[in-house]
Amino acid sequence: MQFTAGCWRSCDGLAASADLLVNLPALFSSELLALAWNVGIGGAIGSENDQFGTAVSLVGGIEFNFQALPLDVVLEWRPGLGVLPSRNLEFVEFGGHVRLYLW
């Protein structure tokens, strides 16, 4: 399970998301770094210009896992369906974040 918070749309608002991810085998691994990937599905809520919105997304991500630290850097492709305030399909949606592992 992954939880994120950050910019909504073109960074005119704030958003939070929750994603259920399946971690797949690493593409490359060394003592310092592992390059892995994941797929999943998630939902988001956000607010922009006093307007509330919700969306559901598919997630496909590449992870740069630092072996000695409890964090990684992730780049994700997130095609999704905006549900509120209006329905719209977005095929070109990307996100990036730093994950910190708490346990």
N, C-alpha and C. Protein backbone atom coordinates (compact mmCIF):
# COMPACT_ATOMS: atom_id res chain seq x y z
N MET A 1 0.85 -1.17 0.00
CA MET A 1 0.00 0.00 0.00
C MET A 1 0.90 1.23 0.00
N GLN A 2 0.56 2.19 -0.83
CA GLN A 2 1.34 3.42 -0.95
C GLN A 2 0.41 4.61 -0.74
N PHE A 3 0.84 5.57 0.08
CA PHE A 3 0.09 6.80 0.30
C PHE A 3 0.97 7.96 -0.13
N THR A 4 0.41 8.90 -0.91
CA THR A 4 1.17 10.06 -1.34
C THR A 4 0.35 11.33 -1.12
N ALA A 5 1.04 12.44 -1.04
CA ALA A 5 0.40 13.76 -0.97
C ALA A 5 1.25 14.72 -1.78
N GLY A 6 0.60 15.66 -2.45
CA GLY A 6 1.36 16.60 -3.27
C GLY A 6 0.46 17.49 -4.09
N CYS A 7 0.95 17.87 -5.27
CA CYS A 7 0.23 18.79 -6.16
C CYS A 7 -0.93 18.10 -6.85
N TRP A 8 -1.99 18.86 -7.07
CA TRP A 8 -3.14 18.39 -7.85
C TRP A 8 -3.10 19.08 -9.20
N ARG A 9 -3.22 18.31 -10.25
CA ARG A 9 -3.21 18.79 -11.64
C ARG A 9 -1.95 19.61 -11.92
N SER A 10 -2.09 20.89 -12.27
CA SER A 10 -0.91 21.69 -12.62
C SER A 10 -0.34 22.43 -11.41
N CYS A 11 -0.47 21.81 -10.24
CA CYS A 11 0.06 22.32 -8.97
C CYS A 11 -0.69 23.57 -8.50
N ASP A 12 -1.95 23.71 -8.90
CA ASP A 12 -2.80 24.79 -8.41
C ASP A 12 -3.56 24.37 -7.16
N GLY A 13 -3.38 23.13 -6.73
CA GLY A 13 -4.09 22.64 -5.55
C GLY A 13 -3.33 21.50 -4.90
N LEU A 14 -3.95 20.88 -3.91
CA LEU A 14 -3.35 19.77 -3.16
C LEU A 14 -4.12 18.49 -3.39
N ALA A 15 -3.42 17.36 -3.30
CA ALA A 15 -4.05 16.06 -3.52
C ALA A 15 -3.43 15.02 -2.60
N ALA A 16 -4.18 13.95 -2.40
CA ALA A 16 -3.69 12.78 -1.67
C ALA A 16 -4.17 11.54 -2.41
N SER A 17 -3.35 10.50 -2.40
CA SER A 17 -3.75 9.27 -3.09
C SER A 17 -3.36 8.06 -2.26
N ALA A 18 -4.05 6.97 -2.53
CA ALA A 18 -3.74 5.67 -1.94
C ALA A 18 -3.73 4.66 -3.07
N ASP A 19 -2.67 3.86 -3.16
CA ASP A 19 -2.50 2.90 -4.24
C ASP A 19 -2.19 1.52 -3.67
N LEU A 20 -2.78 0.51 -4.26
CA LEU A 20 -2.45 -0.87 -3.94
C LEU A 20 -1.51 -1.35 -5.03
N LEU A 21 -0.25 -1.63 -4.67
CA LEU A 21 0.79 -1.97 -5.64
C LEU A 21 1.24 -3.41 -5.50
N VAL A 22 1.63 -3.99 -6.63
CA VAL A 22 2.28 -5.30 -6.67
C VAL A 22 3.71 -5.04 -7.11
N ASN A 23 4.67 -5.36 -6.24
CA ASN A 23 6.08 -5.19 -6.57
C ASN A 23 6.55 -6.40 -7.37
N LEU A 24 7.15 -6.14 -8.51
CA LEU A 24 7.61 -7.19 -9.41
C LEU A 24 9.13 -7.35 -9.28
N PRO A 25 9.69 -8.46 -9.80
CA PRO A 25 11.12 -8.73 -9.63
C PRO A 25 12.00 -7.59 -10.15
N ALA A 26 13.11 -7.38 -9.47
CA ALA A 26 14.05 -6.31 -9.84
C ALA A 26 14.61 -6.55 -11.24
N LEU A 27 14.77 -5.46 -11.99
CA LEU A 27 15.37 -5.53 -13.32
C LEU A 27 16.90 -5.54 -13.23
N PHE A 28 17.42 -4.93 -12.18
CA PHE A 28 18.86 -4.83 -11.96
C PHE A 28 19.08 -4.67 -10.46
N SER A 29 20.16 -5.25 -9.95
CA SER A 29 20.44 -5.11 -8.52
C SER A 29 21.95 -5.16 -8.29
N SER A 30 22.42 -4.26 -7.42
CA SER A 30 23.82 -4.25 -6.98
C SER A 30 23.82 -4.00 -5.48
N GLU A 31 25.00 -3.87 -4.89
CA GLU A 31 25.08 -3.60 -3.46
C GLU A 31 24.51 -2.23 -3.10
N LEU A 32 24.58 -1.28 -4.02
CA LEU A 32 24.14 0.09 -3.74
C LEU A 32 22.71 0.39 -4.17
N LEU A 33 22.29 -0.19 -5.31
CA LEU A 33 21.04 0.22 -5.92
C LEU A 33 20.34 -0.96 -6.57
N ALA A 34 19.02 -0.96 -6.49
CA ALA A 34 18.21 -1.93 -7.24
C ALA A 34 17.23 -1.15 -8.09
N LEU A 35 17.06 -1.57 -9.32
CA LEU A 35 16.08 -0.98 -10.23
C LEU A 35 14.93 -1.97 -10.33
N ALA A 36 13.78 -1.58 -9.80
CA ALA A 36 12.63 -2.48 -9.75
C ALA A 36 11.42 -1.80 -10.38
N TRP A 37 10.31 -2.52 -10.44
CA TRP A 37 9.10 -1.95 -11.02
C TRP A 37 7.88 -2.48 -10.30
N ASN A 38 6.76 -1.79 -10.50
CA ASN A 38 5.52 -2.19 -9.85
C ASN A 38 4.33 -1.81 -10.72
N VAL A 39 3.20 -2.44 -10.46
CA VAL A 39 1.94 -2.11 -11.11
C VAL A 39 0.85 -2.11 -10.04
N GLY A 40 -0.23 -1.40 -10.30
CA GLY A 40 -1.31 -1.38 -9.33
C GLY A 40 -2.47 -0.50 -9.75
N ILE A 41 -3.32 -0.21 -8.77
CA ILE A 41 -4.50 0.62 -8.96
C ILE A 41 -4.65 1.50 -7.73
N GLY A 42 -5.22 2.68 -7.94
CA GLY A 42 -5.37 3.58 -6.80
C GLY A 42 -6.46 4.61 -7.00
N GLY A 43 -6.64 5.40 -5.97
CA GLY A 43 -7.62 6.47 -5.99
C GLY A 43 -7.01 7.73 -5.42
N ALA A 44 -7.56 8.88 -5.82
CA ALA A 44 -7.04 10.16 -5.36
C ALA A 44 -8.18 11.12 -5.06
N ILE A 45 -7.91 12.03 -4.14
CA ILE A 45 -8.81 13.15 -3.89
C ILE A 45 -7.97 14.42 -3.92
N GLY A 46 -8.60 15.51 -4.32
CA GLY A 46 -7.85 16.75 -4.37
C GLY A 46 -8.76 17.96 -4.43
N SER A 47 -8.14 19.11 -4.29
CA SER A 47 -8.86 20.37 -4.34
C SER A 47 -8.04 21.36 -5.15
N GLU A 48 -8.71 22.05 -6.08
CA GLU A 48 -8.04 23.02 -6.93
C GLU A 48 -9.01 24.17 -7.19
N ASN A 49 -8.58 25.38 -6.93
CA ASN A 49 -9.42 26.56 -7.16
C ASN A 49 -10.80 26.41 -6.53
N ASP A 50 -10.84 25.98 -5.28
CA ASP A 50 -12.10 25.78 -4.53
C ASP A 50 -13.01 24.73 -5.16
N GLN A 51 -12.45 23.81 -5.92
CA GLN A 51 -13.23 22.74 -6.54
C GLN A 51 -12.67 21.39 -6.09
N PHE A 52 -13.53 20.52 -5.58
CA PHE A 52 -13.15 19.20 -5.08
C PHE A 52 -13.14 18.22 -6.24
N GLY A 53 -12.19 17.28 -6.26
CA GLY A 53 -12.13 16.29 -7.31
C GLY A 53 -11.72 14.92 -6.80
N THR A 54 -12.14 13.88 -7.51
CA THR A 54 -11.72 12.51 -7.22
C THR A 54 -11.34 11.83 -8.53
N ALA A 55 -10.50 10.82 -8.44
CA ALA A 55 -10.06 10.08 -9.62
C ALA A 55 -9.64 8.67 -9.23
N VAL A 56 -9.68 7.77 -10.19
CA VAL A 56 -9.11 6.43 -10.04
C VAL A 56 -8.04 6.28 -11.12
N SER A 57 -6.97 5.52 -10.81
CA SER A 57 -5.84 5.40 -11.73
C SER A 57 -5.29 3.99 -11.75
N LEU A 58 -4.73 3.64 -12.88
CA LEU A 58 -3.82 2.50 -12.96
C LEU A 58 -2.43 3.06 -12.68
N VAL A 59 -1.54 2.24 -12.18
CA VAL A 59 -0.20 2.70 -11.83
C VAL A 59 0.83 1.74 -12.41
N GLY A 60 1.84 2.28 -13.07
CA GLY A 60 3.01 1.53 -13.50
C GLY A 60 4.24 2.32 -13.14
N GLY A 61 5.10 1.78 -12.29
CA GLY A 61 6.22 2.58 -11.79
C GLY A 61 7.57 1.91 -11.91
N ILE A 62 8.58 2.74 -12.02
CA ILE A 62 9.98 2.33 -11.96
C ILE A 62 10.55 2.85 -10.65
N GLU A 63 11.21 1.99 -9.89
CA GLU A 63 11.74 2.34 -8.57
C GLU A 63 13.26 2.25 -8.56
N PHE A 64 13.88 3.28 -8.04
CA PHE A 64 15.32 3.28 -7.80
C PHE A 64 15.49 3.08 -6.30
N ASN A 65 15.73 1.83 -5.89
CA ASN A 65 15.82 1.48 -4.47
C ASN A 65 17.26 1.56 -3.99
N PHE A 66 17.49 2.40 -2.98
CA PHE A 66 18.81 2.53 -2.38
C PHE A 66 18.93 1.48 -1.28
N GLN A 67 19.82 0.51 -1.48
CA GLN A 67 19.88 -0.67 -0.62
C GLN A 67 20.20 -0.35 0.84
N ALA A 68 21.05 0.64 1.11
CA ALA A 68 21.47 0.92 2.49
C ALA A 68 20.52 1.88 3.21
N LEU A 69 19.55 2.45 2.51
CA LEU A 69 18.65 3.44 3.10
C LEU A 69 17.20 2.96 2.98
N PRO A 70 16.32 3.39 3.89
CA PRO A 70 14.92 2.98 3.81
C PRO A 70 14.11 3.91 2.89
N LEU A 71 14.67 4.23 1.71
CA LEU A 71 13.93 5.08 0.78
C LEU A 71 14.26 4.71 -0.65
N ASP A 72 13.37 5.14 -1.54
CA ASP A 72 13.60 4.99 -2.96
C ASP A 72 12.97 6.16 -3.71
N VAL A 73 13.40 6.32 -4.96
CA VAL A 73 12.87 7.35 -5.85
C VAL A 73 12.03 6.63 -6.89
N VAL A 74 10.81 7.13 -7.13
CA VAL A 74 9.86 6.44 -8.00
C VAL A 74 9.36 7.38 -9.09
N LEU A 75 9.31 6.88 -10.32
CA LEU A 75 8.66 7.57 -11.43
C LEU A 75 7.50 6.69 -11.87
N GLU A 76 6.30 7.28 -11.99
CA GLU A 76 5.11 6.49 -12.29
C GLU A 76 4.34 7.05 -13.48
N TRP A 77 3.79 6.14 -14.27
CA TRP A 77 2.80 6.47 -15.29
C TRP A 77 1.46 6.15 -14.66
N ARG A 78 0.52 7.10 -14.66
CA ARG A 78 -0.74 6.96 -13.94
C ARG A 78 -1.93 7.31 -14.83
N PRO A 79 -2.22 6.51 -15.87
CA PRO A 79 -3.43 6.81 -16.65
C PRO A 79 -4.65 6.66 -15.75
N GLY A 80 -5.61 7.58 -15.88
CA GLY A 80 -6.72 7.52 -14.94
C GLY A 80 -8.01 8.08 -15.47
N LEU A 81 -9.02 7.95 -14.64
CA LEU A 81 -10.36 8.44 -14.92
C LEU A 81 -10.75 9.43 -13.83
N GLY A 82 -10.93 10.69 -14.21
CA GLY A 82 -11.46 11.66 -13.27
C GLY A 82 -12.94 11.37 -13.05
N VAL A 83 -13.38 11.33 -11.81
CA VAL A 83 -14.77 11.00 -11.49
C VAL A 83 -15.56 12.26 -11.15
N LEU A 84 -15.01 13.09 -10.28
CA LEU A 84 -15.64 14.37 -9.92
C LEU A 84 -14.64 15.48 -10.17
N PRO A 85 -14.98 16.65 -10.52
CA PRO A 85 -16.32 17.17 -10.73
C PRO A 85 -16.94 16.72 -12.05
N SER A 86 -16.13 16.28 -13.00
CA SER A 86 -16.67 15.74 -14.25
C SER A 86 -15.84 14.53 -14.64
N ARG A 87 -16.41 13.68 -15.47
CA ARG A 87 -15.69 12.48 -15.90
C ARG A 87 -14.79 12.82 -17.08
N ASN A 88 -13.54 12.44 -16.97
CA ASN A 88 -12.61 12.61 -18.08
C ASN A 88 -11.52 11.55 -18.00
N LEU A 89 -11.11 11.06 -19.14
CA LEU A 89 -10.10 10.02 -19.24
C LEU A 89 -8.76 10.67 -19.56
N GLU A 90 -7.75 10.36 -18.77
CA GLU A 90 -6.41 10.93 -18.95
C GLU A 90 -5.41 9.80 -19.17
N PHE A 91 -4.86 9.68 -20.38
CA PHE A 91 -3.88 8.64 -20.66
C PHE A 91 -2.45 9.10 -20.35
N VAL A 92 -2.21 10.40 -20.38
CA VAL A 92 -0.87 10.93 -20.17
C VAL A 92 -0.83 11.65 -18.83
N GLU A 93 -0.58 10.89 -17.78
CA GLU A 93 -0.44 11.41 -16.42
C GLU A 93 0.78 10.75 -15.80
N PHE A 94 1.66 11.54 -15.26
CA PHE A 94 2.88 11.02 -14.64
C PHE A 94 3.04 11.58 -13.24
N GLY A 95 3.77 10.87 -12.42
CA GLY A 95 4.06 11.34 -11.07
C GLY A 95 5.44 10.89 -10.67
N GLY A 96 6.00 11.59 -9.74
CA GLY A 96 7.29 11.21 -9.19
C GLY A 96 7.30 11.52 -7.71
N HIS A 97 7.97 10.69 -6.94
CA HIS A 97 8.04 10.92 -5.50
C HIS A 97 9.19 10.14 -4.88
N VAL A 98 9.48 10.50 -3.66
CA VAL A 98 10.46 9.78 -2.85
C VAL A 98 9.68 9.01 -1.81
N ARG A 99 9.91 7.71 -1.73
CA ARG A 99 9.25 6.86 -0.73
C ARG A 99 10.16 6.68 0.47
N LEU A 100 9.58 6.80 1.64
CA LEU A 100 10.27 6.51 2.89
C LEU A 100 9.57 5.32 3.53
N TYR A 101 10.32 4.27 3.79
CA TYR A 101 9.75 3.05 4.37
C TYR A 101 9.76 3.15 5.88
N LEU A 102 8.58 3.02 6.49
CA LEU A 102 8.45 3.15 7.93
C LEU A 102 8.61 1.83 8.65
N TRP A 103 8.38 0.70 7.98
CA TRP A 103 8.60 -0.62 8.57
C TRP A 103 8.85 -1.62 7.50
